[in-house]
Amino acid sequence: MQTNRSQIQCFAVKVRPRGELAVGRTLKHKGFDILLPSYVDRRRYSDRIKQVSCALFPGYVFVRMNAEEFLAVTTTDGVSYLVRSGRSFQPLPPEEVAALEALCGVDTGCEPCPNFSVGMRVSIESGPLKGLRGVLVRVGKNDRLVININTVFRSVSVDLRDTVISALD
């Protein structure tokens, strides 16, 4: 697709339930840049345990595009709508795009979690997620960082073992 790179922004696209991977593949085939962080879920069946790749933000695919490309995205099979604020489409803030990009590069230690709104705000100082900011929480004996993607009202919990963090003002 021929696009003006200066006008490209990242948008949250609501997709059918459990359709994130298929819609992501279709949009990539159409030439769009997709951010689709995932994690491996262990599912127990009566006779086995199976590892399944799942979207970290269920029901959402994040697409980089400009204003002229909305129709090409919304007419894609499996797409419900683009996230809006009032009557206008709502692009993700740059810090949320950076968080999604970092999450796409992480293989382990991420899992969906409830959207937290209270707690200490921290920044990761080392490792592959360096520079990310979020809310520090404790799950059992482990410290975890909750990264909010407020545009879609979702959060992700990242394991902080062997990671240096610092408090934000």
N, C-alpha and C. Protein backbone atom coordinates (compact mmCIF):
# COMPACT_ATOMS: atom_id res chain seq x y z
N MET A 1 0.83 -1.18 0.00
CA MET A 1 0.00 0.00 0.00
C MET A 1 0.87 1.24 0.00
N GLN A 2 0.54 2.21 -0.82
CA GLN A 2 1.25 3.47 -0.85
C GLN A 2 0.65 4.39 0.20
N THR A 3 1.43 4.79 1.19
CA THR A 3 0.93 5.66 2.24
C THR A 3 1.95 6.72 2.57
N ASN A 4 1.46 7.83 3.10
CA ASN A 4 2.34 8.88 3.59
C ASN A 4 2.74 8.51 5.00
N ARG A 5 4.01 8.14 5.21
CA ARG A 5 4.48 7.63 6.51
C ARG A 5 4.28 8.63 7.64
N SER A 6 4.26 9.93 7.35
CA SER A 6 4.13 10.93 8.42
C SER A 6 2.72 10.95 9.02
N GLN A 7 1.73 10.44 8.29
CA GLN A 7 0.35 10.46 8.78
C GLN A 7 -0.07 9.14 9.40
N ILE A 8 0.82 8.16 9.45
CA ILE A 8 0.46 6.85 9.97
C ILE A 8 0.43 6.88 11.49
N GLN A 9 -0.67 6.36 12.03
CA GLN A 9 -0.83 6.24 13.47
C GLN A 9 -1.30 4.82 13.77
N CYS A 10 -1.23 4.44 15.04
CA CYS A 10 -1.64 3.11 15.45
C CYS A 10 -3.04 3.18 16.07
N PHE A 11 -3.92 2.28 15.64
CA PHE A 11 -5.30 2.25 16.11
C PHE A 11 -5.64 0.87 16.65
N ALA A 12 -6.54 0.85 17.61
CA ALA A 12 -7.06 -0.41 18.15
C ALA A 12 -8.26 -0.82 17.31
N VAL A 13 -8.26 -2.08 16.88
CA VAL A 13 -9.34 -2.61 16.07
C VAL A 13 -10.00 -3.75 16.85
N LYS A 14 -11.29 -3.62 17.10
CA LYS A 14 -12.06 -4.67 17.79
C LYS A 14 -12.39 -5.76 16.77
N VAL A 15 -12.10 -7.01 17.14
CA VAL A 15 -12.34 -8.14 16.23
C VAL A 15 -13.23 -9.17 16.90
N ARG A 16 -13.71 -10.12 16.11
CA ARG A 16 -14.59 -11.16 16.65
C ARG A 16 -13.85 -11.96 17.73
N PRO A 17 -14.60 -12.57 18.65
CA PRO A 17 -13.97 -13.36 19.71
C PRO A 17 -13.05 -14.44 19.15
N ARG A 18 -11.85 -14.56 19.70
CA ARG A 18 -10.82 -15.52 19.31
C ARG A 18 -10.44 -15.41 17.84
N GLY A 19 -10.64 -14.23 17.24
CA GLY A 19 -10.30 -14.03 15.83
C GLY A 19 -9.09 -13.17 15.61
N GLU A 20 -8.35 -12.86 16.68
CA GLU A 20 -7.23 -11.95 16.58
C GLU A 20 -6.16 -12.44 15.60
N LEU A 21 -5.77 -13.69 15.70
CA LEU A 21 -4.69 -14.21 14.85
C LEU A 21 -5.11 -14.23 13.38
N ALA A 22 -6.34 -14.68 13.09
CA ALA A 22 -6.81 -14.75 11.70
C ALA A 22 -6.96 -13.35 11.10
N VAL A 23 -7.53 -12.42 11.85
CA VAL A 23 -7.70 -11.06 11.35
C VAL A 23 -6.32 -10.41 11.17
N GLY A 24 -5.40 -10.64 12.11
CA GLY A 24 -4.05 -10.12 11.98
C GLY A 24 -3.37 -10.60 10.71
N ARG A 25 -3.50 -11.90 10.41
CA ARG A 25 -2.90 -12.45 9.18
C ARG A 25 -3.52 -11.80 7.94
N THR A 26 -4.85 -11.64 7.95
CA THR A 26 -5.54 -11.03 6.80
C THR A 26 -5.08 -9.59 6.60
N LEU A 27 -5.00 -8.82 7.68
CA LEU A 27 -4.56 -7.42 7.56
C LEU A 27 -3.11 -7.32 7.12
N LYS A 28 -2.25 -8.24 7.58
CA LYS A 28 -0.85 -8.26 7.11
C LYS A 28 -0.82 -8.54 5.62
N HIS A 29 -1.66 -9.48 5.17
CA HIS A 29 -1.74 -9.82 3.75
C HIS A 29 -2.19 -8.61 2.93
N LYS A 30 -3.01 -7.75 3.52
CA LYS A 30 -3.46 -6.53 2.84
C LYS A 30 -2.39 -5.44 2.87
N GLY A 31 -1.28 -5.67 3.57
CA GLY A 31 -0.18 -4.73 3.58
C GLY A 31 -0.09 -3.84 4.80
N PHE A 32 -0.87 -4.12 5.84
CA PHE A 32 -0.84 -3.30 7.04
C PHE A 32 0.22 -3.80 8.02
N ASP A 33 0.75 -2.88 8.81
CA ASP A 33 1.68 -3.22 9.89
C ASP A 33 0.83 -3.50 11.13
N ILE A 34 0.98 -4.70 11.69
CA ILE A 34 0.15 -5.16 12.80
C ILE A 34 0.99 -5.30 14.07
N LEU A 35 0.40 -4.92 15.20
CA LEU A 35 0.98 -5.22 16.51
C LEU A 35 0.01 -6.17 17.19
N LEU A 36 0.46 -7.39 17.43
CA LEU A 36 -0.41 -8.40 18.03
C LEU A 36 0.39 -9.21 19.05
N PRO A 37 0.60 -8.62 20.25
CA PRO A 37 1.35 -9.37 21.28
C PRO A 37 0.57 -10.61 21.69
N SER A 38 1.32 -11.69 21.96
CA SER A 38 0.66 -12.94 22.34
C SER A 38 1.40 -13.59 23.50
N TYR A 39 0.77 -14.60 24.06
CA TYR A 39 1.38 -15.39 25.13
C TYR A 39 0.96 -16.84 24.93
N VAL A 40 1.65 -17.75 25.61
CA VAL A 40 1.33 -19.17 25.50
C VAL A 40 0.54 -19.57 26.74
N ASP A 41 -0.66 -20.06 26.51
CA ASP A 41 -1.55 -20.49 27.59
C ASP A 41 -1.53 -22.01 27.64
N ARG A 42 -1.42 -22.54 28.86
CA ARG A 42 -1.45 -24.01 29.04
C ARG A 42 -2.88 -24.39 29.38
N ARG A 43 -3.51 -25.16 28.52
CA ARG A 43 -4.90 -25.56 28.72
C ARG A 43 -4.97 -27.05 29.03
N ARG A 44 -5.70 -27.35 30.08
CA ARG A 44 -5.83 -28.73 30.53
C ARG A 44 -7.09 -29.35 29.91
N TYR A 45 -6.88 -30.48 29.27
CA TYR A 45 -7.97 -31.28 28.74
C TYR A 45 -8.02 -32.56 29.57
N SER A 46 -9.01 -33.37 29.37
CA SER A 46 -9.16 -34.58 30.19
C SER A 46 -7.97 -35.52 30.09
N ASP A 47 -7.33 -35.57 28.92
CA ASP A 47 -6.24 -36.53 28.74
C ASP A 47 -4.87 -35.90 28.46
N ARG A 48 -4.79 -34.56 28.44
CA ARG A 48 -3.52 -33.92 28.11
C ARG A 48 -3.53 -32.44 28.49
N ILE A 49 -2.34 -31.85 28.44
CA ILE A 49 -2.19 -30.40 28.59
C ILE A 49 -1.65 -29.89 27.26
N LYS A 50 -2.31 -28.89 26.71
CA LYS A 50 -1.91 -28.35 25.42
C LYS A 50 -1.49 -26.90 25.58
N GLN A 51 -0.42 -26.50 24.89
CA GLN A 51 0.01 -25.11 24.88
C GLN A 51 -0.57 -24.42 23.65
N VAL A 52 -1.27 -23.30 23.89
CA VAL A 52 -1.97 -22.59 22.83
C VAL A 52 -1.50 -21.14 22.81
N SER A 53 -1.21 -20.62 21.62
CA SER A 53 -0.85 -19.21 21.48
C SER A 53 -2.14 -18.39 21.50
N CYS A 54 -2.19 -17.39 22.39
CA CYS A 54 -3.38 -16.55 22.55
C CYS A 54 -2.98 -15.08 22.48
N ALA A 55 -3.92 -14.24 22.07
CA ALA A 55 -3.68 -12.80 22.03
C ALA A 55 -3.60 -12.26 23.45
N LEU A 56 -2.63 -11.40 23.70
CA LEU A 56 -2.46 -10.79 25.02
C LEU A 56 -3.59 -9.82 25.33
N PHE A 57 -4.18 -9.24 24.29
CA PHE A 57 -5.33 -8.35 24.44
C PHE A 57 -6.49 -8.97 23.68
N PRO A 58 -7.24 -9.88 24.33
CA PRO A 58 -8.32 -10.60 23.64
C PRO A 58 -9.32 -9.64 23.00
N GLY A 59 -9.64 -9.92 21.74
CA GLY A 59 -10.63 -9.13 21.02
C GLY A 59 -10.07 -7.91 20.31
N TYR A 60 -8.74 -7.71 20.34
CA TYR A 60 -8.16 -6.52 19.72
C TYR A 60 -6.92 -6.85 18.90
N VAL A 61 -6.79 -6.15 17.78
CA VAL A 61 -5.60 -6.15 16.95
C VAL A 61 -5.21 -4.68 16.81
N PHE A 62 -3.94 -4.37 16.83
CA PHE A 62 -3.48 -3.00 16.73
C PHE A 62 -2.85 -2.80 15.35
N VAL A 63 -3.35 -1.79 14.61
CA VAL A 63 -2.99 -1.61 13.21
C VAL A 63 -2.42 -0.21 12.99
N ARG A 64 -1.30 -0.14 12.26
CA ARG A 64 -0.76 1.16 11.85
C ARG A 64 -1.35 1.50 10.48
N MET A 65 -1.94 2.69 10.40
CA MET A 65 -2.56 3.12 9.13
C MET A 65 -2.77 4.62 9.15
N ASN A 66 -3.17 5.16 7.99
CA ASN A 66 -3.54 6.57 7.93
C ASN A 66 -5.04 6.68 7.67
N ALA A 67 -5.55 7.89 7.63
CA ALA A 67 -6.99 8.13 7.55
C ALA A 67 -7.63 7.52 6.28
N GLU A 68 -6.91 7.48 5.19
CA GLU A 68 -7.49 6.95 3.95
C GLU A 68 -7.70 5.43 3.98
N GLU A 69 -7.11 4.75 4.95
CA GLU A 69 -7.14 3.28 4.96
C GLU A 69 -8.20 2.68 5.90
N PHE A 70 -9.00 3.52 6.58
CA PHE A 70 -9.99 3.00 7.52
C PHE A 70 -10.95 2.02 6.86
N LEU A 71 -11.42 2.33 5.67
CA LEU A 71 -12.39 1.46 5.00
C LEU A 71 -11.80 0.08 4.70
N ALA A 72 -10.54 0.04 4.28
CA ALA A 72 -9.89 -1.25 3.99
C ALA A 72 -9.79 -2.12 5.24
N VAL A 73 -9.65 -1.49 6.40
CA VAL A 73 -9.56 -2.24 7.65
C VAL A 73 -10.95 -2.68 8.11
N THR A 74 -11.90 -1.76 8.12
CA THR A 74 -13.24 -2.07 8.66
C THR A 74 -14.01 -3.06 7.80
N THR A 75 -13.66 -3.18 6.52
CA THR A 75 -14.35 -4.16 5.66
C THR A 75 -13.68 -5.53 5.68
N THR A 76 -12.63 -5.68 6.47
CA THR A 76 -11.94 -6.97 6.59
C THR A 76 -12.82 -7.93 7.38
N ASP A 77 -12.93 -9.16 6.90
CA ASP A 77 -13.74 -10.18 7.57
C ASP A 77 -13.23 -10.39 9.00
N GLY A 78 -14.12 -10.32 9.96
CA GLY A 78 -13.78 -10.52 11.36
C GLY A 78 -13.60 -9.23 12.14
N VAL A 79 -13.48 -8.09 11.46
CA VAL A 79 -13.33 -6.80 12.14
C VAL A 79 -14.71 -6.28 12.51
N SER A 80 -14.87 -5.89 13.78
CA SER A 80 -16.13 -5.33 14.24
C SER A 80 -16.14 -3.82 14.07
N TYR A 81 -15.12 -3.15 14.60
CA TYR A 81 -15.05 -1.68 14.51
C TYR A 81 -13.68 -1.20 14.94
N LEU A 82 -13.38 0.06 14.65
CA LEU A 82 -12.19 0.74 15.16
C LEU A 82 -12.60 1.48 16.42
N VAL A 83 -11.74 1.49 17.42
CA VAL A 83 -12.03 2.17 18.69
C VAL A 83 -12.11 3.67 18.42
N ARG A 84 -13.17 4.28 18.96
CA ARG A 84 -13.43 5.71 18.76
C ARG A 84 -13.49 6.43 20.08
N SER A 85 -13.33 7.74 19.98
CA SER A 85 -13.59 8.64 21.10
C SER A 85 -14.62 9.62 20.57
N GLY A 86 -15.86 9.43 20.94
CA GLY A 86 -16.94 10.23 20.35
C GLY A 86 -17.13 9.83 18.91
N ARG A 87 -17.06 10.79 18.01
CA ARG A 87 -17.28 10.51 16.59
C ARG A 87 -15.98 10.29 15.82
N SER A 88 -14.83 10.53 16.46
CA SER A 88 -13.56 10.40 15.74
C SER A 88 -12.81 9.15 16.19
N PHE A 89 -12.04 8.58 15.25
CA PHE A 89 -11.20 7.43 15.58
C PHE A 89 -10.12 7.88 16.55
N GLN A 90 -9.79 7.01 17.50
CA GLN A 90 -8.86 7.35 18.57
C GLN A 90 -7.53 6.61 18.38
N PRO A 91 -6.46 7.32 17.92
CA PRO A 91 -5.16 6.64 17.82
C PRO A 91 -4.59 6.39 19.20
N LEU A 92 -3.75 5.37 19.32
CA LEU A 92 -3.09 5.08 20.58
C LEU A 92 -2.02 6.13 20.85
N PRO A 93 -1.85 6.52 22.13
CA PRO A 93 -0.75 7.43 22.46
C PRO A 93 0.60 6.75 22.20
N PRO A 94 1.64 7.53 21.90
CA PRO A 94 2.96 6.95 21.58
C PRO A 94 3.51 6.01 22.65
N GLU A 95 3.25 6.31 23.94
CA GLU A 95 3.79 5.43 25.00
C GLU A 95 3.10 4.07 24.99
N GLU A 96 1.82 4.01 24.60
CA GLU A 96 1.13 2.73 24.51
C GLU A 96 1.61 1.94 23.29
N VAL A 97 1.90 2.63 22.19
CA VAL A 97 2.45 1.96 21.00
C VAL A 97 3.82 1.37 21.35
N ALA A 98 4.64 2.13 22.06
CA ALA A 98 5.96 1.64 22.47
C ALA A 98 5.82 0.41 23.37
N ALA A 99 4.84 0.42 24.27
CA ALA A 99 4.60 -0.74 25.15
C ALA A 99 4.18 -1.95 24.32
N LEU A 100 3.30 -1.76 23.35
CA LEU A 100 2.87 -2.87 22.50
C LEU A 100 4.03 -3.44 21.70
N GLU A 101 4.88 -2.56 21.16
CA GLU A 101 6.04 -3.02 20.40
C GLU A 101 6.96 -3.85 21.27
N ALA A 102 7.20 -3.40 22.50
CA ALA A 102 8.06 -4.15 23.42
C ALA A 102 7.43 -5.49 23.77
N LEU A 103 6.13 -5.51 23.99
CA LEU A 103 5.44 -6.76 24.33
C LEU A 103 5.47 -7.76 23.18
N CYS A 104 5.48 -7.27 21.95
CA CYS A 104 5.57 -8.17 20.79
C CYS A 104 6.92 -8.89 20.74
N GLY A 105 7.95 -8.32 21.38
CA GLY A 105 9.27 -8.91 21.36
C GLY A 105 9.58 -9.81 22.55
N VAL A 106 8.62 -9.99 23.46
CA VAL A 106 8.84 -10.80 24.66
C VAL A 106 8.19 -12.17 24.46
N ASP A 107 8.97 -13.24 24.74
CA ASP A 107 8.45 -14.59 24.54
C ASP A 107 7.74 -15.15 25.77
N THR A 108 8.22 -14.84 26.96
CA THR A 108 7.67 -15.44 28.17
C THR A 108 7.44 -14.39 29.24
N GLY A 109 6.69 -14.76 30.26
CA GLY A 109 6.50 -13.90 31.42
C GLY A 109 5.33 -12.95 31.32
N CYS A 110 4.60 -12.92 30.21
CA CYS A 110 3.46 -12.03 30.06
C CYS A 110 2.17 -12.84 30.14
N GLU A 111 1.17 -12.22 30.70
CA GLU A 111 -0.16 -12.83 30.74
C GLU A 111 -1.18 -11.73 30.96
N PRO A 112 -2.41 -11.90 30.46
CA PRO A 112 -3.45 -10.89 30.71
C PRO A 112 -3.77 -10.83 32.20
N CYS A 113 -4.22 -9.67 32.63
CA CYS A 113 -4.62 -9.51 34.02
C CYS A 113 -5.71 -8.45 34.09
N PRO A 114 -6.39 -8.34 35.23
CA PRO A 114 -7.41 -7.29 35.35
C PRO A 114 -6.78 -5.91 35.21
N ASN A 115 -7.57 -4.93 34.78
CA ASN A 115 -7.09 -3.57 34.60
C ASN A 115 -7.01 -2.88 35.95
N PHE A 116 -5.78 -2.65 36.44
CA PHE A 116 -5.57 -2.01 37.73
C PHE A 116 -5.56 -0.49 37.57
N SER A 117 -6.10 0.21 38.55
CA SER A 117 -6.04 1.66 38.51
C SER A 117 -5.36 2.25 39.74
N VAL A 118 -5.01 1.40 40.72
CA VAL A 118 -4.32 1.89 41.91
C VAL A 118 -3.01 1.16 42.07
N GLY A 119 -2.06 1.73 42.82
CA GLY A 119 -0.77 1.09 43.07
C GLY A 119 0.37 2.02 42.71
N MET A 120 1.54 1.55 42.96
CA MET A 120 2.74 2.34 42.72
C MET A 120 3.12 2.32 41.25
N ARG A 121 3.39 3.49 40.69
CA ARG A 121 3.84 3.58 39.30
C ARG A 121 5.35 3.38 39.28
N VAL A 122 5.82 2.48 38.40
CA VAL A 122 7.25 2.21 38.31
C VAL A 122 7.69 2.17 36.85
N SER A 123 8.99 2.24 36.66
CA SER A 123 9.60 2.16 35.34
C SER A 123 10.62 1.03 35.37
N ILE A 124 10.70 0.24 34.32
CA ILE A 124 11.69 -0.83 34.22
C ILE A 124 13.00 -0.22 33.75
N GLU A 125 14.08 -0.53 34.47
CA GLU A 125 15.39 0.07 34.21
C GLU A 125 16.35 -0.84 33.45
N SER A 126 16.04 -2.14 33.34
CA SER A 126 16.95 -3.05 32.65
C SER A 126 16.16 -4.15 31.96
N GLY A 127 16.82 -4.85 31.06
CA GLY A 127 16.20 -5.98 30.37
C GLY A 127 15.47 -5.57 29.11
N PRO A 128 14.78 -6.52 28.46
CA PRO A 128 14.15 -6.25 27.17
C PRO A 128 12.98 -5.27 27.25
N LEU A 129 12.44 -5.04 28.43
CA LEU A 129 11.31 -4.11 28.59
C LEU A 129 11.75 -2.76 29.16
N LYS A 130 13.05 -2.48 29.10
CA LYS A 130 13.60 -1.24 29.66
C LYS A 130 12.82 -0.03 29.15
N GLY A 131 12.49 0.85 30.10
CA GLY A 131 11.78 2.08 29.76
C GLY A 131 10.28 2.01 29.88
N LEU A 132 9.73 0.81 29.96
CA LEU A 132 8.29 0.69 30.12
C LEU A 132 7.88 1.14 31.50
N ARG A 133 6.70 1.72 31.59
CA ARG A 133 6.17 2.19 32.86
C ARG A 133 4.85 1.51 33.13
N GLY A 134 4.58 1.28 34.40
CA GLY A 134 3.33 0.63 34.76
C GLY A 134 3.13 0.64 36.26
N VAL A 135 2.21 -0.20 36.71
CA VAL A 135 1.86 -0.28 38.12
C VAL A 135 2.47 -1.55 38.71
N LEU A 136 3.14 -1.40 39.83
CA LEU A 136 3.75 -2.54 40.49
C LEU A 136 2.69 -3.26 41.32
N VAL A 137 2.60 -4.57 41.14
CA VAL A 137 1.68 -5.40 41.93
C VAL A 137 2.43 -6.63 42.41
N ARG A 138 1.89 -7.27 43.41
CA ARG A 138 2.47 -8.51 43.92
C ARG A 138 1.46 -9.62 43.70
N VAL A 139 1.91 -10.68 43.04
CA VAL A 139 1.09 -11.86 42.82
C VAL A 139 1.82 -13.01 43.51
N GLY A 140 1.27 -13.46 44.62
CA GLY A 140 1.95 -14.47 45.42
C GLY A 140 3.23 -13.89 45.96
N LYS A 141 4.37 -14.53 45.66
CA LYS A 141 5.67 -14.03 46.10
C LYS A 141 6.40 -13.27 45.01
N ASN A 142 5.76 -13.11 43.85
CA ASN A 142 6.43 -12.48 42.71
C ASN A 142 5.94 -11.07 42.47
N ASP A 143 6.87 -10.18 42.15
CA ASP A 143 6.52 -8.83 41.73
C ASP A 143 6.22 -8.86 40.24
N ARG A 144 5.19 -8.11 39.84
CA ARG A 144 4.80 -8.02 38.44
C ARG A 144 4.51 -6.57 38.11
N LEU A 145 4.69 -6.20 36.85
CA LEU A 145 4.38 -4.87 36.38
C LEU A 145 3.12 -4.96 35.54
N VAL A 146 2.15 -4.12 35.84
CA VAL A 146 0.92 -4.07 35.06
C VAL A 146 1.04 -2.90 34.09
N ILE A 147 0.96 -3.21 32.80
CA ILE A 147 1.02 -2.21 31.74
C ILE A 147 -0.39 -2.02 31.22
N ASN A 148 -0.90 -0.79 31.29
CA ASN A 148 -2.26 -0.49 30.83
C ASN A 148 -2.24 0.00 29.40
N ILE A 149 -3.16 -0.53 28.59
CA ILE A 149 -3.45 0.00 27.27
C ILE A 149 -4.86 0.55 27.40
N ASN A 150 -4.94 1.79 27.89
CA ASN A 150 -6.22 2.39 28.27
C ASN A 150 -7.18 2.56 27.10
N THR A 151 -6.67 2.65 25.89
CA THR A 151 -7.52 2.83 24.73
C THR A 151 -8.53 1.69 24.60
N VAL A 152 -8.13 0.47 24.98
CA VAL A 152 -9.03 -0.69 24.88
C VAL A 152 -9.41 -1.24 26.25
N PHE A 153 -9.13 -0.47 27.32
CA PHE A 153 -9.48 -0.85 28.68
C PHE A 153 -8.96 -2.24 29.04
N ARG A 154 -7.70 -2.49 28.72
CA ARG A 154 -7.06 -3.77 29.01
C ARG A 154 -5.71 -3.54 29.65
N SER A 155 -5.24 -4.56 30.35
CA SER A 155 -3.92 -4.51 30.98
C SER A 155 -3.22 -5.84 30.79
N VAL A 156 -1.90 -5.80 30.95
CA VAL A 156 -1.06 -6.98 30.84
C VAL A 156 -0.15 -7.00 32.05
N SER A 157 0.08 -8.17 32.61
CA SER A 157 0.97 -8.34 33.75
C SER A 157 2.27 -8.98 33.26
N VAL A 158 3.42 -8.36 33.61
CA VAL A 158 4.73 -8.85 33.18
C VAL A 158 5.55 -9.23 34.40
N ASP A 159 6.18 -10.39 34.36
CA ASP A 159 7.02 -10.88 35.45
C ASP A 159 8.25 -9.98 35.58
N LEU A 160 8.58 -9.57 36.82
CA LEU A 160 9.72 -8.69 37.05
C LEU A 160 10.92 -9.38 37.68
N ARG A 161 10.94 -10.72 37.71
CA ARG A 161 12.11 -11.41 38.27
C ARG A 161 13.37 -10.99 37.52
N ASP A 162 14.43 -10.75 38.24
CA ASP A 162 15.73 -10.36 37.67
C ASP A 162 15.66 -9.05 36.88
N THR A 163 14.74 -8.17 37.25
CA THR A 163 14.59 -6.89 36.58
C THR A 163 14.76 -5.76 37.58
N VAL A 164 15.48 -4.73 37.18
CA VAL A 164 15.66 -3.56 38.03
C VAL A 164 14.56 -2.56 37.70
N ILE A 165 13.85 -2.07 38.74
CA ILE A 165 12.79 -1.09 38.52
C ILE A 165 13.08 0.14 39.39
N SER A 166 12.47 1.27 39.02
CA SER A 166 12.58 2.47 39.84
C SER A 166 11.21 3.13 39.93
N ALA A 167 10.97 3.82 41.04
CA ALA A 167 9.70 4.49 41.27
C ALA A 167 9.63 5.77 40.43
N LEU A 168 8.44 6.09 39.96
CA LEU A 168 8.21 7.33 39.22
C LEU A 168 7.65 8.37 40.19
N ASP A 169 7.88 9.63 39.89
CA ASP A 169 7.36 10.72 40.73
C ASP A 169 5.86 10.84 40.61
